[in-house]
Amino acid sequence: MCVEKFKLALIVILIFYASMPLFLMAQQEIEMNLVDQFHFEYPSLIIGLTYDGEYIWMSDVAADSLIAIDKDTGEKVYGFPFPMEPDIYGLTFDGENFWASASQFYLYKISHEDGSIITSFQIPYPMGTNGGITELTWHNNFLYCMITGGFSSVIVGIDVETITCVDTVGTAGCSSPTGLTYMNGYFWFNDYIEIKIRKVNPDTWQYEGWFPHYYLCYKYIGITNDGEYMYCSDNFRNVYKYEIIENSAIEEDNIDTLEYPIQIRTYPNPSNPEVRIEFSIPKKSKINLEIYNVKGQKIENIVNNKLLREGVHSFIWNGKDNDSKPVSTGIYLYQLQIDGKPVATKKMLLMK
């Protein structure tokens, strides 16, 4: 009898682990460094955060203002009042203007120049009476919204041109997510019950890691990144600057480790607005030269599968994307491919 009970218990345990969601089994603590902490005397509630290529912007609910701070020193630079009556919770930047969520159902496009409302619309996603948009981020040219309500949450991708839903990403069973950013190919948000920043795969909807955040984080916080560091608020008077110790979406190469010598450089660097990219190749080859943003999205193809002789070559990037639209100030990466193989990737800073 005891043997049969043991077998039964063993079967139950095996079934439990076999049916356990992968995200519960695969979570690992992510190595990170707390690089800096910015403390502010006046704001009592910092919620939305975003990066415009030059400054970190925060939603100061106490002062009803959007405020720009220096991402290296934390010093306030300038700002302007909220252009609407409700407080701004979610905040993100599309390269030209801000997008904000400030009520249960509405998104607002706000001028980066003067803080005026350009347009607003109701999100095309069914939400209950307790539902709300708590945070925003951009990914693949779509606006992703963290929607929470009751004991359920979901990340919804919106095409702001057609005002349609194009994607939904689960939060892997987390009922208490807040804050949202897209960095290095993953969504990141805060689990305010466990006080952890979670890393979620947008394709599988599963957690793939976490790191601890400051212990005074409550329901609404802001998260953003500049491609190199992640910035998180804590609901009070602080913004924390984290270095995530893992590979970025497009990793900068050490060209000394290549199987044959490649010389590549940009000048000037920083550039404004044009930059010359110069490189040498050891033999006649087909060349691709591409520009990426820090999210790993291709911005421009400078050289497209062109056969070039051995020697030194140089090309100019005019600071525009494939649609001939000027890109924003920020860090970009240029990647040299020889015969279809990436051989060198380097960073450059574009200033406007």
Protein backbone atom coordinates (compact mmCIF):
# COMPACT_ATOMS: atom_id res chain seq x y z
CA MET A 1 0.00 0.00 0.00
CA CYS A 2 2.79 2.40 0.92
CA VAL A 3 4.55 1.62 -2.36
CA GLU A 4 1.40 2.36 -4.34
CA LYS A 5 0.91 5.65 -2.52
CA PHE A 6 4.53 6.57 -3.21
CA LYS A 7 4.09 5.81 -6.93
CA LEU A 8 0.90 7.86 -7.02
CA ALA A 9 2.61 10.80 -5.31
CA LEU A 10 5.54 10.55 -7.71
CA ILE A 11 3.21 10.59 -10.72
CA VAL A 12 1.43 13.67 -9.35
CA ILE A 13 4.76 15.46 -8.88
CA LEU A 14 5.91 14.57 -12.40
CA ILE A 15 2.62 15.77 -13.89
CA PHE A 16 2.93 19.02 -11.93
CA TYR A 17 6.42 19.77 -13.27
CA ALA A 18 5.53 18.64 -16.77
CA SER A 19 2.58 21.04 -16.85
CA MET A 20 4.43 23.89 -15.16
CA PRO A 21 4.72 26.91 -17.47
CA LEU A 22 8.20 27.27 -18.89
CA PHE A 23 8.47 30.82 -17.61
CA LEU A 24 8.37 29.51 -14.02
CA MET A 25 11.24 27.12 -14.71
CA ALA A 26 13.46 29.30 -16.89
CA GLN A 27 13.65 32.55 -14.92
CA GLN A 28 17.17 33.56 -14.00
CA GLU A 29 18.45 36.54 -12.11
CA ILE A 30 20.12 38.96 -14.53
CA GLU A 31 23.41 40.52 -13.58
CA MET A 32 23.21 44.31 -13.42
CA ASN A 33 25.04 47.29 -11.99
CA LEU A 34 23.38 50.25 -10.31
CA VAL A 35 25.32 53.01 -12.08
CA ASP A 36 23.65 56.03 -10.50
CA GLN A 37 20.67 57.29 -8.53
CA PHE A 38 19.08 60.67 -9.22
CA HIS A 39 17.18 62.18 -6.30
CA PHE A 40 14.75 65.07 -6.76
CA GLU A 41 13.57 67.32 -3.94
CA TYR A 42 10.25 68.50 -5.31
CA PRO A 43 8.47 65.71 -7.22
CA SER A 44 6.65 63.36 -4.89
CA LEU A 45 5.53 60.96 -7.61
CA ILE A 46 7.61 60.26 -10.73
CA ILE A 47 5.72 57.96 -13.07
CA GLY A 48 6.28 58.04 -16.84
CA LEU A 49 9.83 58.02 -18.23
CA THR A 50 11.12 58.24 -21.80
CA TYR A 51 14.30 59.11 -23.70
CA ASP A 52 14.30 61.52 -26.64
CA GLY A 53 17.85 60.87 -27.82
CA GLU A 54 19.27 63.63 -25.63
CA TYR A 55 17.40 63.85 -22.33
CA ILE A 56 15.41 61.60 -20.03
CA TRP A 57 11.88 62.99 -19.69
CA MET A 58 9.78 62.27 -16.62
CA SER A 59 6.17 62.83 -15.72
CA ASP A 60 6.17 64.89 -12.52
CA VAL A 61 2.66 64.34 -11.18
CA ALA A 62 3.22 66.67 -8.22
CA ALA A 63 4.02 69.62 -10.50
CA ASP A 64 1.72 68.49 -13.35
CA SER A 65 4.68 68.85 -15.71
CA LEU A 66 6.87 66.98 -18.17
CA ILE A 67 10.49 67.60 -17.17
CA ALA A 68 13.71 66.87 -19.06
CA ILE A 69 16.75 65.77 -17.06
CA ASP A 70 20.36 65.21 -18.06
CA LYS A 71 20.85 61.43 -18.30
CA ASP A 72 24.38 61.65 -16.89
CA THR A 73 23.92 64.11 -14.03
CA GLY A 74 20.18 63.99 -13.30
CA GLU A 75 20.00 67.79 -13.42
CA LYS A 76 16.70 69.31 -14.58
CA VAL A 77 17.07 71.05 -17.93
CA TYR A 78 13.62 72.36 -18.85
CA GLY A 79 10.01 71.26 -19.20
CA PHE A 80 6.41 72.30 -19.72
CA PRO A 81 3.01 71.77 -18.03
CA PHE A 82 0.79 68.82 -18.78
CA PRO A 83 -1.38 69.81 -21.76
CA MET A 84 -4.42 67.98 -20.40
CA GLU A 85 -6.24 67.80 -17.08
CA PRO A 86 -5.51 64.16 -16.10
CA ASP A 87 -2.06 63.18 -14.87
CA ILE A 88 0.29 61.55 -17.37
CA TYR A 89 1.08 57.93 -16.49
CA GLY A 90 2.55 56.35 -19.62
CA LEU A 91 5.12 58.30 -21.64
CA THR A 92 7.20 57.48 -24.73
CA PHE A 93 8.89 59.23 -27.66
CA ASP A 94 8.53 58.33 -31.36
CA GLY A 95 11.57 60.24 -32.63
CA GLU A 96 9.62 63.45 -33.18
CA ASN A 97 6.88 63.75 -30.56
CA PHE A 98 5.74 62.35 -27.23
CA TRP A 99 2.94 59.87 -26.73
CA ALA A 100 1.18 59.73 -23.37
CA SER A 101 -1.60 57.93 -21.57
CA ALA A 102 -3.47 60.08 -19.09
CA SER A 103 -6.83 58.43 -18.61
CA GLN A 104 -8.38 55.00 -18.75
CA PHE A 105 -8.94 54.81 -22.47
CA TYR A 106 -7.13 57.61 -24.33
CA LEU A 107 -3.73 58.10 -25.94
CA TYR A 108 -2.33 61.58 -26.60
CA LYS A 109 0.28 62.70 -29.12
CA ILE A 110 2.13 65.67 -27.63
CA SER A 111 4.45 68.12 -29.36
CA HIS A 112 8.09 67.78 -28.34
CA GLU A 113 8.57 71.47 -29.10
CA ASP A 114 5.93 73.15 -26.94
CA GLY A 115 3.95 70.42 -25.15
CA SER A 116 0.70 71.01 -27.02
CA ILE A 117 -1.68 68.18 -27.93
CA ILE A 118 -1.40 67.18 -31.60
CA THR A 119 -4.03 64.47 -31.56
CA SER A 120 -5.77 62.01 -29.24
CA PHE A 121 -7.87 58.90 -29.64
CA GLN A 122 -9.43 56.09 -27.69
CA ILE A 123 -7.43 52.87 -27.70
CA PRO A 124 -9.12 50.22 -29.89
CA TYR A 125 -9.02 47.49 -27.28
CA PRO A 126 -11.82 46.32 -24.97
CA MET A 127 -11.14 47.26 -21.35
CA GLY A 128 -13.33 46.89 -18.31
CA THR A 129 -14.39 49.77 -16.14
CA ASN A 130 -11.28 49.28 -14.00
CA GLY A 131 -8.94 49.02 -16.99
CA GLY A 132 -6.29 51.59 -17.80
CA ILE A 133 -3.17 52.28 -19.86
CA THR A 134 -0.30 52.49 -17.40
CA GLU A 135 2.78 52.64 -19.64
CA LEU A 136 3.92 52.88 -23.27
CA THR A 137 6.89 51.94 -25.47
CA TRP A 138 7.72 51.63 -29.17
CA HIS A 139 8.66 48.41 -30.97
CA ASN A 140 8.76 47.75 -34.75
CA ASN A 141 7.09 51.13 -35.40
CA PHE A 142 4.06 50.18 -33.29
CA LEU A 143 3.03 51.73 -30.00
CA TYR A 144 2.82 49.09 -27.27
CA CYS A 145 0.55 49.83 -24.32
CA MET A 146 0.56 48.15 -20.90
CA ILE A 147 -3.11 47.64 -20.07
CA THR A 148 -4.02 46.62 -16.55
CA GLY A 149 -7.37 46.01 -14.95
CA GLY A 150 -8.49 43.91 -12.03
CA PHE A 151 -6.25 40.85 -11.82
CA SER A 152 -5.28 40.68 -15.51
CA SER A 153 -2.83 42.57 -17.70
CA VAL A 154 -1.77 42.54 -21.33
CA ILE A 155 0.62 44.44 -23.61
CA VAL A 156 -1.19 45.62 -26.76
CA GLY A 157 0.50 46.82 -29.96
CA ILE A 158 -1.26 49.71 -31.73
CA ASP A 159 -0.78 51.03 -35.27
CA VAL A 160 -1.25 54.72 -34.57
CA GLU A 161 -1.71 55.53 -38.26
CA THR A 162 -4.77 53.30 -38.66
CA ILE A 163 -5.73 53.15 -34.95
CA THR A 164 -5.94 49.38 -34.97
CA CYS A 165 -4.61 46.63 -32.72
CA VAL A 166 -1.82 44.67 -34.40
CA ASP A 167 -0.40 42.54 -31.60
CA THR A 168 -0.92 41.34 -28.05
CA VAL A 169 1.80 40.13 -25.71
CA GLY A 170 0.97 38.39 -22.45
CA THR A 171 2.65 39.24 -19.17
CA ALA A 172 3.27 35.57 -18.33
CA GLY A 173 0.63 35.48 -15.63
CA CYS A 174 1.83 38.57 -13.79
CA SER A 175 -1.20 40.44 -12.45
CA SER A 176 0.76 43.43 -11.21
CA PRO A 177 3.01 44.77 -13.99
CA THR A 178 3.86 48.45 -14.30
CA GLY A 179 6.35 50.41 -16.33
CA LEU A 180 7.32 49.24 -19.82
CA THR A 181 10.26 49.55 -22.19
CA TYR A 182 11.65 47.61 -25.14
CA MET A 183 15.39 46.95 -24.99
CA ASN A 184 17.74 44.41 -26.56
CA GLY A 185 14.92 42.46 -28.21
CA TYR A 186 12.74 42.08 -25.07
CA PHE A 187 9.99 43.84 -23.17
CA TRP A 188 10.91 44.86 -19.63
CA PHE A 189 8.45 45.80 -16.89
CA ASN A 190 8.26 46.01 -13.12
CA ASP A 191 6.44 43.40 -11.04
CA TYR A 192 5.45 45.64 -8.16
CA ILE A 193 4.36 42.75 -5.92
CA GLU A 194 7.75 41.05 -6.06
CA ILE A 195 9.63 44.32 -6.79
CA LYS A 196 11.52 42.87 -9.74
CA ILE A 197 12.17 44.14 -13.25
CA ARG A 198 11.01 41.31 -15.50
CA LYS A 199 12.36 40.46 -18.97
CA VAL A 200 9.70 39.03 -21.32
CA ASN A 201 10.17 37.43 -24.74
CA PRO A 202 7.71 39.17 -27.13
CA ASP A 203 7.36 36.02 -29.25
CA THR A 204 6.78 33.38 -26.56
CA TRP A 205 5.24 35.64 -23.86
CA GLN A 206 7.53 34.01 -21.31
CA TYR A 207 9.83 35.42 -18.64
CA GLU A 208 13.49 34.95 -19.41
CA GLY A 209 15.01 36.73 -16.46
CA TRP A 210 14.70 39.40 -13.80
CA PHE A 211 16.68 41.70 -11.54
CA PRO A 212 15.67 43.35 -8.24
CA HIS A 213 14.51 46.96 -8.22
CA TYR A 214 14.42 49.41 -5.34
CA TYR A 215 12.20 48.26 -2.46
CA LEU A 216 9.92 51.32 -2.39
CA CYS A 217 8.42 50.67 -5.85
CA TYR A 218 4.65 50.69 -5.76
CA LYS A 219 2.06 50.39 -8.48
CA TYR A 220 3.03 53.02 -11.06
CA ILE A 221 6.63 53.56 -12.09
CA GLY A 222 8.38 54.61 -15.28
CA ILE A 223 10.97 52.60 -17.21
CA THR A 224 12.96 53.70 -20.26
CA ASN A 225 16.36 53.12 -21.83
CA ASP A 226 18.91 54.91 -23.99
CA GLY A 227 20.15 51.73 -25.66
CA GLU A 228 22.96 51.38 -23.15
CA TYR A 229 21.39 51.94 -19.73
CA MET A 230 17.93 51.37 -18.25
CA TYR A 231 16.28 54.08 -16.14
CA CYS A 232 13.58 53.24 -13.58
CA SER A 233 11.64 55.45 -11.20
CA ASP A 234 10.36 54.34 -7.80
CA ASN A 235 7.12 56.34 -7.31
CA PHE A 236 8.84 58.78 -5.01
CA ARG A 237 11.75 61.12 -5.72
CA ASN A 238 14.27 58.85 -7.38
CA VAL A 239 15.34 57.59 -10.79
CA TYR A 240 17.78 54.66 -10.92
CA LYS A 241 20.24 54.10 -13.75
CA TYR A 242 21.01 50.41 -14.36
CA GLU A 243 23.58 48.71 -16.56
CA ILE A 244 22.26 45.35 -17.77
CA ILE A 245 25.10 42.86 -18.11
CA GLU A 246 24.03 41.06 -21.25
CA ASN A 247 24.35 41.43 -25.02
CA SER A 248 22.50 44.25 -26.74
CA ALA A 249 20.23 43.72 -29.76
CA ILE A 250 23.08 44.68 -32.08
CA GLU A 251 26.39 44.15 -30.35
CA GLU A 252 29.44 46.27 -31.01
CA ASP A 253 32.30 44.13 -32.29
CA ASN A 254 35.92 43.99 -31.32
CA ILE A 255 37.32 44.03 -34.84
CA ASP A 256 40.71 42.79 -33.62
CA THR A 257 39.17 39.31 -33.31
CA LEU A 258 38.15 39.07 -36.98
CA GLU A 259 39.77 36.43 -39.16
CA TYR A 260 41.25 39.09 -41.43
CA PRO A 261 42.10 42.72 -40.70
CA ILE A 262 39.38 45.32 -41.26
CA GLN A 263 39.84 49.04 -40.70
CA ILE A 264 36.59 50.94 -40.20
CA ARG A 265 35.82 54.32 -38.68
CA THR A 266 33.42 57.26 -38.80
CA TYR A 267 34.18 60.95 -38.77
CA PRO A 268 33.18 63.24 -37.36
CA ASN A 269 31.89 61.31 -34.34
CA PRO A 270 29.70 62.83 -32.88
CA SER A 271 28.28 63.95 -36.23
CA ASN A 272 25.85 66.71 -37.21
CA PRO A 273 24.06 65.71 -39.34
CA GLU A 274 26.23 63.89 -41.91
CA VAL A 275 28.80 61.25 -41.09
CA ARG A 276 31.41 59.67 -43.33
CA ILE A 277 31.97 55.94 -42.86
CA GLU A 278 35.34 54.75 -44.11
CA PHE A 279 36.56 51.16 -44.28
CA SER A 280 39.14 48.99 -46.02
CA ILE A 281 38.68 45.49 -47.39
CA PRO A 282 41.45 43.01 -48.18
CA LYS A 283 40.00 41.68 -51.44
CA LYS A 284 37.26 42.23 -54.01
CA SER A 285 33.96 41.50 -52.21
CA LYS A 286 30.23 42.12 -52.13
CA ILE A 287 29.53 44.75 -49.48
CA ASN A 288 26.55 45.73 -47.35
CA LEU A 289 26.78 48.75 -45.07
CA GLU A 290 23.77 49.21 -42.82
CA ILE A 291 22.65 51.60 -40.08
CA TYR A 292 20.73 50.36 -37.01
CA ASN A 293 19.18 52.06 -34.02
CA VAL A 294 19.89 50.80 -30.51
CA LYS A 295 16.77 48.61 -30.61
CA GLY A 296 18.30 46.59 -33.44
CA GLN A 297 15.95 48.02 -36.08
CA LYS A 298 17.49 48.71 -39.49
CA ILE A 299 17.35 52.43 -40.28
CA GLU A 300 19.15 52.72 -43.59
CA ASN A 301 21.07 50.59 -46.09
CA ILE A 302 24.01 52.70 -47.28
CA VAL A 303 25.53 50.04 -49.54
CA ASN A 304 23.35 47.22 -50.83
CA ASN A 305 25.21 44.09 -51.98
CA LYS A 306 27.63 46.11 -54.09
CA LEU A 307 30.78 44.57 -55.53
CA LEU A 308 33.78 46.66 -54.44
CA ARG A 309 37.48 46.28 -55.19
CA GLU A 310 40.02 45.78 -52.43
CA GLY A 311 41.26 48.89 -50.69
CA VAL A 312 39.74 51.90 -48.91
CA HIS A 313 36.15 53.03 -49.48
CA SER A 314 34.04 55.76 -47.89
CA PHE A 315 30.34 56.52 -47.89
CA ILE A 316 28.25 59.32 -46.36
CA TRP A 317 25.15 58.81 -44.23
CA ASN A 318 22.98 61.92 -44.17
CA GLY A 319 21.19 61.13 -40.93
CA LYS A 320 17.99 59.97 -42.66
CA ASP A 321 16.14 56.66 -42.71
CA ASN A 322 15.01 54.55 -45.65
CA ASP A 323 12.03 56.87 -46.13
CA SER A 324 14.35 59.91 -46.32
CA LYS A 325 13.06 61.16 -42.97
CA PRO A 326 15.62 62.70 -40.56
CA VAL A 327 16.28 60.48 -37.55
CA SER A 328 16.49 61.81 -34.02
CA THR A 329 19.58 62.57 -31.96
CA GLY A 330 21.02 59.46 -30.37
CA ILE A 331 23.32 56.47 -30.58
CA TYR A 332 23.33 54.45 -33.82
CA LEU A 333 25.30 51.47 -35.01
CA TYR A 334 26.83 50.90 -38.43
CA GLN A 335 27.46 47.35 -39.57
CA LEU A 336 29.79 46.24 -42.36
CA GLN A 337 28.98 42.95 -44.07
CA ILE A 338 31.36 41.23 -46.48
CA ASP A 339 29.92 38.56 -48.78
CA GLY A 340 26.83 38.38 -46.56
CA LYS A 341 28.75 37.98 -43.30
CA PRO A 342 28.75 40.71 -40.61
CA VAL A 343 32.41 41.52 -39.88
CA ALA A 344 32.29 44.75 -37.92
CA THR A 345 29.68 46.73 -35.95
CA LYS A 346 30.50 50.07 -34.33
CA LYS A 347 28.67 52.83 -32.46
CA MET A 348 28.36 56.46 -33.46
CA LEU A 349 26.59 59.45 -31.95
CA LEU A 350 24.35 61.57 -34.15
CA MET A 351 23.67 65.09 -32.88
CA LYS A 352 21.03 67.52 -34.17
